[in-house]
Full PDB file with SEQRES, HELIX, SHEET, SSBOND, CRYST1, ORIGX, SCALE, CONECT and MASTER records, all heavy atoms in Angstrom:
SEQRES   1 A   32  HIS VAL PRO GLN ALA ARG GLY LEU THR ALA THR SER GLU          
SEQRES   2 A   32  GLY ILE VAL LYS LYS ARG VAL ILE GLY GLY GLN GLY ARG          
SEQRES   3 A   32  PRO GLU CYS VAL THR VAL                                      
SHEET    1 AA1 2 LYS A  17  ILE A  21  0                                        
SHEET    2 AA1 2 PRO A  27  THR A  31 -1                                        
CRYST1    1.000    1.000    1.000  90.00  90.00  90.00 P 1           1          
ORIGX1      1.000000  0.000000  0.000000        0.00000                         
ORIGX2      0.000000  1.000000  0.000000        0.00000                         
ORIGX3      0.000000  0.000000  1.000000        0.00000                         
SCALE1      1.000000  0.000000  0.000000        0.00000                         
SCALE2      0.000000  1.000000  0.000000        0.00000                         
SCALE3      0.000000  0.000000  1.000000        0.00000                         
ATOM      1  N   HIS A   1       0.860  -1.183   0.000  1.00  0.00           N  
ATOM      2  CA  HIS A   1       0.000   0.000   0.000  1.00  0.00           C  
ATOM      3  C   HIS A   1       0.899   1.238   0.000  1.00  0.00           C  
ATOM      4  O   HIS A   1       1.431   1.631   1.029  1.00  0.00           O  
ATOM      5  CB  HIS A   1      -0.916  -0.016   1.223  1.00  0.00           C  
ATOM      6  CG  HIS A   1      -1.683  -1.298   1.364  1.00  0.00           C  
ATOM      7  ND1 HIS A   1      -2.816  -1.560   0.636  1.00  0.00           N  
ATOM      8  CD2 HIS A   1      -1.442  -2.403   2.129  1.00  0.00           C  
ATOM      9  CE1 HIS A   1      -3.270  -2.776   0.959  1.00  0.00           C  
ATOM     10  NE2 HIS A   1      -2.451  -3.301   1.862  1.00  0.00           N  
ATOM     11  N   VAL A   2       1.066   1.832  -1.173  1.00  0.00           N  
ATOM     12  CA  VAL A   2       2.018   2.931  -1.347  1.00  0.00           C  
ATOM     13  C   VAL A   2       1.322   4.266  -1.105  1.00  0.00           C  
ATOM     14  O   VAL A   2       0.353   4.588  -1.797  1.00  0.00           O  
ATOM     15  CB  VAL A   2       2.628   2.916  -2.764  1.00  0.00           C  
ATOM     16  CG1 VAL A   2       3.644   4.040  -2.924  1.00  0.00           C  
ATOM     17  CG2 VAL A   2       3.262   1.562  -3.061  1.00  0.00           C  
ATOM     18  N   PRO A   3       1.811   5.065  -0.138  1.00  0.00           N  
ATOM     19  CA  PRO A   3       1.201   6.375   0.104  1.00  0.00           C  
ATOM     20  C   PRO A   3       1.699   7.399  -0.903  1.00  0.00           C  
ATOM     21  O   PRO A   3       2.738   7.203  -1.543  1.00  0.00           O  
ATOM     22  CB  PRO A   3       1.692   6.729   1.514  1.00  0.00           C  
ATOM     23  CG  PRO A   3       3.039   6.074   1.590  1.00  0.00           C  
ATOM     24  CD  PRO A   3       2.938   4.788   0.791  1.00  0.00           C  
ATOM     25  N   GLN A   4       0.961   8.491  -1.066  1.00  0.00           N  
ATOM     26  CA  GLN A   4       1.432   9.581  -1.921  1.00  0.00           C  
ATOM     27  C   GLN A   4       2.562  10.311  -1.209  1.00  0.00           C  
ATOM     28  O   GLN A   4       2.467  10.631  -0.027  1.00  0.00           O  
ATOM     29  CB  GLN A   4       0.296  10.560  -2.227  1.00  0.00           C  
ATOM     30  CG  GLN A   4       0.708  11.681  -3.168  1.00  0.00           C  
ATOM     31  CD  GLN A   4      -0.465  12.576  -3.545  1.00  0.00           C  
ATOM     32  OE1 GLN A   4      -1.577  12.387  -3.059  1.00  0.00           O  
ATOM     33  NE2 GLN A   4      -0.231  13.544  -4.404  1.00  0.00           N  
ATOM     34  N   ALA A   5       3.637  10.556  -1.931  1.00  0.00           N  
ATOM     35  CA  ALA A   5       4.800  11.206  -1.327  1.00  0.00           C  
ATOM     36  C   ALA A   5       4.558  12.701  -1.176  1.00  0.00           C  
ATOM     37  O   ALA A   5       3.797  13.299  -1.937  1.00  0.00           O  
ATOM     38  CB  ALA A   5       6.035  10.971  -2.190  1.00  0.00           C  
ATOM     39  N   ARG A   6       5.238  13.281  -0.192  1.00  0.00           N  
ATOM     40  CA  ARG A   6       5.214  14.732  -0.033  1.00  0.00           C  
ATOM     41  C   ARG A   6       6.434  15.287  -0.761  1.00  0.00           C  
ATOM     42  O   ARG A   6       7.550  15.223  -0.263  1.00  0.00           O  
ATOM     43  CB  ARG A   6       5.265  15.101   1.448  1.00  0.00           C  
ATOM     44  CG  ARG A   6       4.052  14.631   2.242  1.00  0.00           C  
ATOM     45  CD  ARG A   6       4.177  15.056   3.689  1.00  0.00           C  
ATOM     46  NE  ARG A   6       3.015  14.630   4.457  1.00  0.00           N  
ATOM     47  CZ  ARG A   6       2.860  14.844   5.769  1.00  0.00           C  
ATOM     48  NH1 ARG A   6       3.834  15.466   6.447  1.00  0.00           N  
ATOM     49  NH2 ARG A   6       1.773  14.438   6.390  1.00  0.00           N  
ATOM     50  N   GLY A   7       6.219  15.790  -1.964  1.00  0.00           N  
ATOM     51  CA  GLY A   7       7.349  16.187  -2.786  1.00  0.00           C  
ATOM     52  C   GLY A   7       7.902  14.984  -3.526  1.00  0.00           C  
ATOM     53  O   GLY A   7       7.390  13.868  -3.410  1.00  0.00           O  
ATOM     54  N   LEU A   8       8.954  15.185  -4.285  1.00  0.00           N  
ATOM     55  CA  LEU A   8       9.535  14.096  -5.067  1.00  0.00           C  
ATOM     56  C   LEU A   8      10.279  13.110  -4.172  1.00  0.00           C  
ATOM     57  O   LEU A   8      11.001  13.509  -3.258  1.00  0.00           O  
ATOM     58  CB  LEU A   8      10.499  14.640  -6.112  1.00  0.00           C  
ATOM     59  CG  LEU A   8       9.883  15.138  -7.421  1.00  0.00           C  
ATOM     60  CD1 LEU A   8      10.981  15.626  -8.344  1.00  0.00           C  
ATOM     61  CD2 LEU A   8       9.082  14.042  -8.086  1.00  0.00           C  
ATOM     62  N   THR A   9      10.099  11.829  -4.455  1.00  0.00           N  
ATOM     63  CA  THR A   9      10.818  10.767  -3.762  1.00  0.00           C  
ATOM     64  C   THR A   9      11.634   9.990  -4.791  1.00  0.00           C  
ATOM     65  O   THR A   9      11.169   9.756  -5.911  1.00  0.00           O  
ATOM     66  CB  THR A   9       9.843   9.821  -3.039  1.00  0.00           C  
ATOM     67  OG1 THR A   9       9.215  10.537  -1.976  1.00  0.00           O  
ATOM     68  CG2 THR A   9      10.569   8.625  -2.465  1.00  0.00           C  
ATOM     69  N   ALA A  10      12.866   9.586  -4.401  1.00  0.00           N  
ATOM     70  CA  ALA A  10      13.758   8.863  -5.307  1.00  0.00           C  
ATOM     71  C   ALA A  10      14.166   7.540  -4.681  1.00  0.00           C  
ATOM     72  O   ALA A  10      13.948   7.293  -3.488  1.00  0.00           O  
ATOM     73  CB  ALA A  10      15.001   9.710  -5.597  1.00  0.00           C  
ATOM     74  N   THR A  11      14.753   6.678  -5.493  1.00  0.00           N  
ATOM     75  CA  THR A  11      15.390   5.487  -4.945  1.00  0.00           C  
ATOM     76  C   THR A  11      16.687   5.947  -4.272  1.00  0.00           C  
ATOM     77  O   THR A  11      17.155   7.070  -4.486  1.00  0.00           O  
ATOM     78  CB  THR A  11      15.717   4.466  -6.042  1.00  0.00           C  
ATOM     79  OG1 THR A  11      16.770   5.001  -6.860  1.00  0.00           O  
ATOM     80  CG2 THR A  11      14.500   4.180  -6.913  1.00  0.00           C  
ATOM     81  N   SER A  12      17.301   5.080  -3.475  1.00  0.00           N  
ATOM     82  CA  SER A  12      18.557   5.457  -2.814  1.00  0.00           C  
ATOM     83  C   SER A  12      19.672   5.664  -3.830  1.00  0.00           C  
ATOM     84  O   SER A  12      20.695   6.271  -3.525  1.00  0.00           O  
ATOM     85  CB  SER A  12      18.965   4.375  -1.804  1.00  0.00           C  
ATOM     86  OG  SER A  12      19.047   3.104  -2.431  1.00  0.00           O  
ATOM     87  N   GLU A  13      19.471   5.179  -5.076  1.00  0.00           N  
ATOM     88  CA  GLU A  13      20.449   5.407  -6.141  1.00  0.00           C  
ATOM     89  C   GLU A  13      20.197   6.728  -6.873  1.00  0.00           C  
ATOM     90  O   GLU A  13      20.905   7.068  -7.815  1.00  0.00           O  
ATOM     91  CB  GLU A  13      20.417   4.251  -7.159  1.00  0.00           C  
ATOM     92  CG  GLU A  13      20.986   2.940  -6.656  1.00  0.00           C  
ATOM     93  CD  GLU A  13      19.978   2.198  -5.774  1.00  0.00           C  
ATOM     94  OE1 GLU A  13      18.770   2.549  -5.809  1.00  0.00           O  
ATOM     95  OE2 GLU A  13      20.407   1.283  -5.040  1.00  0.00           O  
ATOM     96  N   GLY A  14      19.168   7.470  -6.456  1.00  0.00           N  
ATOM     97  CA  GLY A  14      18.886   8.757  -7.073  1.00  0.00           C  
ATOM     98  C   GLY A  14      17.983   8.704  -8.283  1.00  0.00           C  
ATOM     99  O   GLY A  14      17.826   9.694  -8.995  1.00  0.00           O  
ATOM    100  N   ILE A  15      17.334   7.556  -8.538  1.00  0.00           N  
ATOM    101  CA  ILE A  15      16.422   7.422  -9.676  1.00  0.00           C  
ATOM    102  C   ILE A  15      15.039   7.914  -9.255  1.00  0.00           C  
ATOM    103  O   ILE A  15      14.504   7.485  -8.229  1.00  0.00           O  
ATOM    104  CB  ILE A  15      16.347   5.965 -10.157  1.00  0.00           C  
ATOM    105  CG1 ILE A  15      17.718   5.499 -10.644  1.00  0.00           C  
ATOM    106  CG2 ILE A  15      15.305   5.810 -11.252  1.00  0.00           C  
ATOM    107  CD1 ILE A  15      17.780   4.025 -10.957  1.00  0.00           C  
ATOM    108  N   VAL A  16      14.462   8.815 -10.045  1.00  0.00           N  
ATOM    109  CA  VAL A  16      13.133   9.352  -9.766  1.00  0.00           C  
ATOM    110  C   VAL A  16      12.197   8.947 -10.896  1.00  0.00           C  
ATOM    111  O   VAL A  16      12.474   9.230 -12.068  1.00  0.00           O  
ATOM    112  CB  VAL A  16      13.161  10.892  -9.638  1.00  0.00           C  
ATOM    113  CG1 VAL A  16      11.777  11.425  -9.294  1.00  0.00           C  
ATOM    114  CG2 VAL A  16      14.170  11.326  -8.589  1.00  0.00           C  
ATOM    115  N   LYS A  17      11.151   8.265 -10.547  1.00  0.00           N  
ATOM    116  CA  LYS A  17      10.143   7.868 -11.534  1.00  0.00           C  
ATOM    117  C   LYS A  17       8.771   8.325 -11.065  1.00  0.00           C  
ATOM    118  O   LYS A  17       8.542   8.551  -9.880  1.00  0.00           O  
ATOM    119  CB  LYS A  17      10.153   6.351 -11.750  1.00  0.00           C  
ATOM    120  CG  LYS A  17      11.353   5.873 -12.558  1.00  0.00           C  
ATOM    121  CD  LYS A  17      11.244   4.403 -12.881  1.00  0.00           C  
ATOM    122  CE  LYS A  17      12.374   3.933 -13.786  1.00  0.00           C  
ATOM    123  NZ  LYS A  17      12.230   4.438 -15.171  1.00  0.00           N  
ATOM    124  N   LYS A  18       7.870   8.433 -12.032  1.00  0.00           N  
ATOM    125  CA  LYS A  18       6.521   8.872 -11.714  1.00  0.00           C  
ATOM    126  C   LYS A  18       5.530   8.149 -12.605  1.00  0.00           C  
ATOM    127  O   LYS A  18       5.772   7.961 -13.801  1.00  0.00           O  
ATOM    128  CB  LYS A  18       6.413  10.383 -11.922  1.00  0.00           C  
ATOM    129  CG  LYS A  18       5.038  10.943 -11.646  1.00  0.00           C  
ATOM    130  CD  LYS A  18       4.956  12.374 -12.143  1.00  0.00           C  
ATOM    131  CE  LYS A  18       3.518  12.828 -12.116  1.00  0.00           C  
ATOM    132  NZ  LYS A  18       3.299  14.009 -12.931  1.00  0.00           N  
ATOM    133  N   ARG A  19       4.425   7.741 -12.019  1.00  0.00           N  
ATOM    134  CA  ARG A  19       3.380   7.053 -12.775  1.00  0.00           C  
ATOM    135  C   ARG A  19       2.450   8.100 -13.387  1.00  0.00           C  
ATOM    136  O   ARG A  19       1.973   8.998 -12.704  1.00  0.00           O  
ATOM    137  CB  ARG A  19       2.577   6.139 -11.860  1.00  0.00           C  
ATOM    138  CG  ARG A  19       1.543   5.266 -12.584  1.00  0.00           C  
ATOM    139  CD  ARG A  19       0.875   4.352 -11.573  1.00  0.00           C  
ATOM    140  NE  ARG A  19       0.050   3.345 -12.198  1.00  0.00           N  
ATOM    141  CZ  ARG A  19      -1.279   3.280 -12.083  1.00  0.00           C  
ATOM    142  NH1 ARG A  19      -1.910   4.202 -11.393  1.00  0.00           N  
ATOM    143  NH2 ARG A  19      -1.954   2.306 -12.657  1.00  0.00           N  
ATOM    144  N   VAL A  20       2.208   7.975 -14.683  1.00  0.00           N  
ATOM    145  CA  VAL A  20       1.300   8.875 -15.378  1.00  0.00           C  
ATOM    146  C   VAL A  20       0.298   8.034 -16.155  1.00  0.00           C  
ATOM    147  O   VAL A  20       0.520   6.853 -16.427  1.00  0.00           O  
ATOM    148  CB  VAL A  20       2.045   9.826 -16.337  1.00  0.00           C  
ATOM    149  CG1 VAL A  20       3.033  10.688 -15.588  1.00  0.00           C  
ATOM    150  CG2 VAL A  20       2.746   9.044 -17.451  1.00  0.00           C  
ATOM    151  N   ILE A  21      -0.823   8.642 -16.482  1.00  0.00           N  
ATOM    152  CA  ILE A  21      -1.827   8.005 -17.320  1.00  0.00           C  
ATOM    153  C   ILE A  21      -1.689   8.591 -18.710  1.00  0.00           C  
ATOM    154  O   ILE A  21      -1.847   9.800 -18.905  1.00  0.00           O  
ATOM    155  CB  ILE A  21      -3.248   8.236 -16.780  1.00  0.00           C  
ATOM    156  CG1 ILE A  21      -3.360   7.710 -15.341  1.00  0.00           C  
ATOM    157  CG2 ILE A  21      -4.278   7.569 -17.682  1.00  0.00           C  
ATOM    158  CD1 ILE A  21      -3.145   6.224 -15.212  1.00  0.00           C  
ATOM    159  N   GLY A  22      -1.384   7.752 -19.672  1.00  0.00           N  
ATOM    160  CA  GLY A  22      -1.229   8.214 -21.042  1.00  0.00           C  
ATOM    161  C   GLY A  22      -2.554   8.624 -21.648  1.00  0.00           C  
ATOM    162  O   GLY A  22      -3.623   8.488 -21.038  1.00  0.00           O  
ATOM    163  N   GLY A  23      -2.518   9.152 -22.855  1.00  0.00           N  
ATOM    164  CA  GLY A  23      -3.719   9.667 -23.494  1.00  0.00           C  
ATOM    165  C   GLY A  23      -4.803   8.635 -23.699  1.00  0.00           C  
ATOM    166  O   GLY A  23      -5.976   8.978 -23.755  1.00  0.00           O  
ATOM    167  N   GLN A  24      -4.435   7.362 -23.808  1.00  0.00           N  
ATOM    168  CA  GLN A  24      -5.428   6.310 -23.994  1.00  0.00           C  
ATOM    169  C   GLN A  24      -5.879   5.710 -22.676  1.00  0.00           C  
ATOM    170  O   GLN A  24      -6.572   4.692 -22.656  1.00  0.00           O  
ATOM    171  CB  GLN A  24      -4.848   5.202 -24.897  1.00  0.00           C  
ATOM    172  CG  GLN A  24      -4.453   5.681 -26.274  1.00  0.00           C  
ATOM    173  CD  GLN A  24      -5.628   6.237 -27.052  1.00  0.00           C  
ATOM    174  OE1 GLN A  24      -6.743   5.747 -26.899  1.00  0.00           O  
ATOM    175  NE2 GLN A  24      -5.393   7.263 -27.850  1.00  0.00           N  
ATOM    176  N   GLY A  25      -5.489   6.312 -21.556  1.00  0.00           N  
ATOM    177  CA  GLY A  25      -5.921   5.822 -20.250  1.00  0.00           C  
ATOM    178  C   GLY A  25      -5.074   4.712 -19.691  1.00  0.00           C  
ATOM    179  O   GLY A  25      -5.429   4.118 -18.678  1.00  0.00           O  
ATOM    180  N   ARG A  26      -3.927   4.401 -20.330  1.00  0.00           N  
ATOM    181  CA  ARG A  26      -3.061   3.329 -19.845  1.00  0.00           C  
ATOM    182  C   ARG A  26      -1.957   3.898 -18.966  1.00  0.00           C  
ATOM    183  O   ARG A  26      -1.368   4.945 -19.295  1.00  0.00           O  
ATOM    184  CB  ARG A  26      -2.456   2.556 -21.018  1.00  0.00           C  
ATOM    185  CG  ARG A  26      -3.478   1.750 -21.807  1.00  0.00           C  
ATOM    186  CD  ARG A  26      -2.769   0.842 -22.797  1.00  0.00           C  
ATOM    187  NE  ARG A  26      -2.095   1.594 -23.831  1.00  0.00           N  
ATOM    188  CZ  ARG A  26      -2.661   1.919 -24.991  1.00  0.00           C  
ATOM    189  NH1 ARG A  26      -3.898   1.586 -25.237  1.00  0.00           N  
ATOM    190  NH2 ARG A  26      -1.973   2.608 -25.887  1.00  0.00           N  
ATOM    191  N   PRO A  27      -1.634   3.240 -17.842  1.00  0.00           N  
ATOM    192  CA  PRO A  27      -0.599   3.766 -16.949  1.00  0.00           C  
ATOM    193  C   PRO A  27       0.798   3.552 -17.501  1.00  0.00           C  
ATOM    194  O   PRO A  27       1.079   2.563 -18.176  1.00  0.00           O  
ATOM    195  CB  PRO A  27      -0.812   2.954 -15.663  1.00  0.00           C  
ATOM    196  CG  PRO A  27      -1.428   1.671 -16.119  1.00  0.00           C  
ATOM    197  CD  PRO A  27      -2.271   2.016 -17.312  1.00  0.00           C  
ATOM    198  N   GLU A  28       1.672   4.511 -17.229  1.00  0.00           N  
ATOM    199  CA  GLU A  28       3.070   4.418 -17.634  1.00  0.00           C  
ATOM    200  C   GLU A  28       3.938   4.932 -16.500  1.00  0.00           C  
ATOM    201  O   GLU A  28       3.533   5.814 -15.748  1.00  0.00           O  
ATOM    202  CB  GLU A  28       3.339   5.282 -18.875  1.00  0.00           C  
ATOM    203  CG  GLU A  28       2.476   4.992 -20.077  1.00  0.00           C  
ATOM    204  CD  GLU A  28       2.696   6.011 -21.181  1.00  0.00           C  
ATOM    205  OE1 GLU A  28       3.730   6.717 -21.142  1.00  0.00           O  
ATOM    206  OE2 GLU A  28       1.839   6.118 -22.063  1.00  0.00           O  
ATOM    207  N   CYS A  29       5.149   4.373 -16.346  1.00  0.00           N  
ATOM    208  CA  CYS A  29       6.135   4.889 -15.399  1.00  0.00           C  
ATOM    209  C   CYS A  29       7.203   5.617 -16.211  1.00  0.00           C  
ATOM    210  O   CYS A  29       7.836   5.020 -17.071  1.00  0.00           O  
ATOM    211  CB  CYS A  29       6.784   3.757 -14.594  1.00  0.00           C  
ATOM    212  SG  CYS A  29       5.955   3.454 -13.032  1.00  0.00           S  
ATOM    213  N   VAL A  30       7.377   6.907 -15.938  1.00  0.00           N  
ATOM    214  CA  VAL A  30       8.362   7.683 -16.688  1.00  0.00           C  
ATOM    215  C   VAL A  30       9.412   8.217 -15.732  1.00  0.00           C  
ATOM    216  O   VAL A  30       9.134   8.515 -14.571  1.00  0.00           O  
ATOM    217  CB  VAL A  30       7.687   8.846 -17.443  1.00  0.00           C  
ATOM    218  CG1 VAL A  30       6.708   8.331 -18.477  1.00  0.00           C  
ATOM    219  CG2 VAL A  30       6.984   9.792 -16.470  1.00  0.00           C  
ATOM    220  N   THR A  31      10.638   8.341 -16.226  1.00  0.00           N  
ATOM    221  CA  THR A  31      11.729   8.885 -15.416  1.00  0.00           C  
ATOM    222  C   THR A  31      11.607  10.401 -15.350  1.00  0.00           C  
ATOM    223  O   THR A  31      11.389  11.060 -16.362  1.00  0.00           O  
ATOM    224  CB  THR A  31      13.087   8.504 -16.025  1.00  0.00           C  
ATOM    225  OG1 THR A  31      13.189   7.078 -16.068  1.00  0.00           O  
ATOM    226  CG2 THR A  31      14.230   9.065 -15.196  1.00  0.00           C  
ATOM    227  N   VAL A  32      11.743  10.953 -14.140  1.00  0.00           N  
ATOM    228  CA  VAL A  32      11.708  12.396 -13.945  1.00  0.00           C  
ATOM    229  C   VAL A  32      13.147  12.899 -13.974  1.00  0.00           C  
ATOM    230  O   VAL A  32      13.934  12.635 -13.063  1.00  0.00           O  
ATOM    231  CB  VAL A  32      11.040  12.767 -12.606  1.00  0.00           C  
ATOM    232  CG1 VAL A  32      11.024  14.285 -12.415  1.00  0.00           C  
ATOM    233  CG2 VAL A  32       9.624  12.211 -12.555  1.00  0.00           C  
TER     234      VAL A  32                                                      
MASTER        0    0    0    0    2    0    0    6  233    1    0    3          
END                                                                             
């Protein structure tokens, strides 16, 4: 159960990703 972060959260390696909904309604994970 993943809570919404307060501000940007990264992995300990410094990788930041974000889940977005594409134009067709399909979820995608994109690198920030």
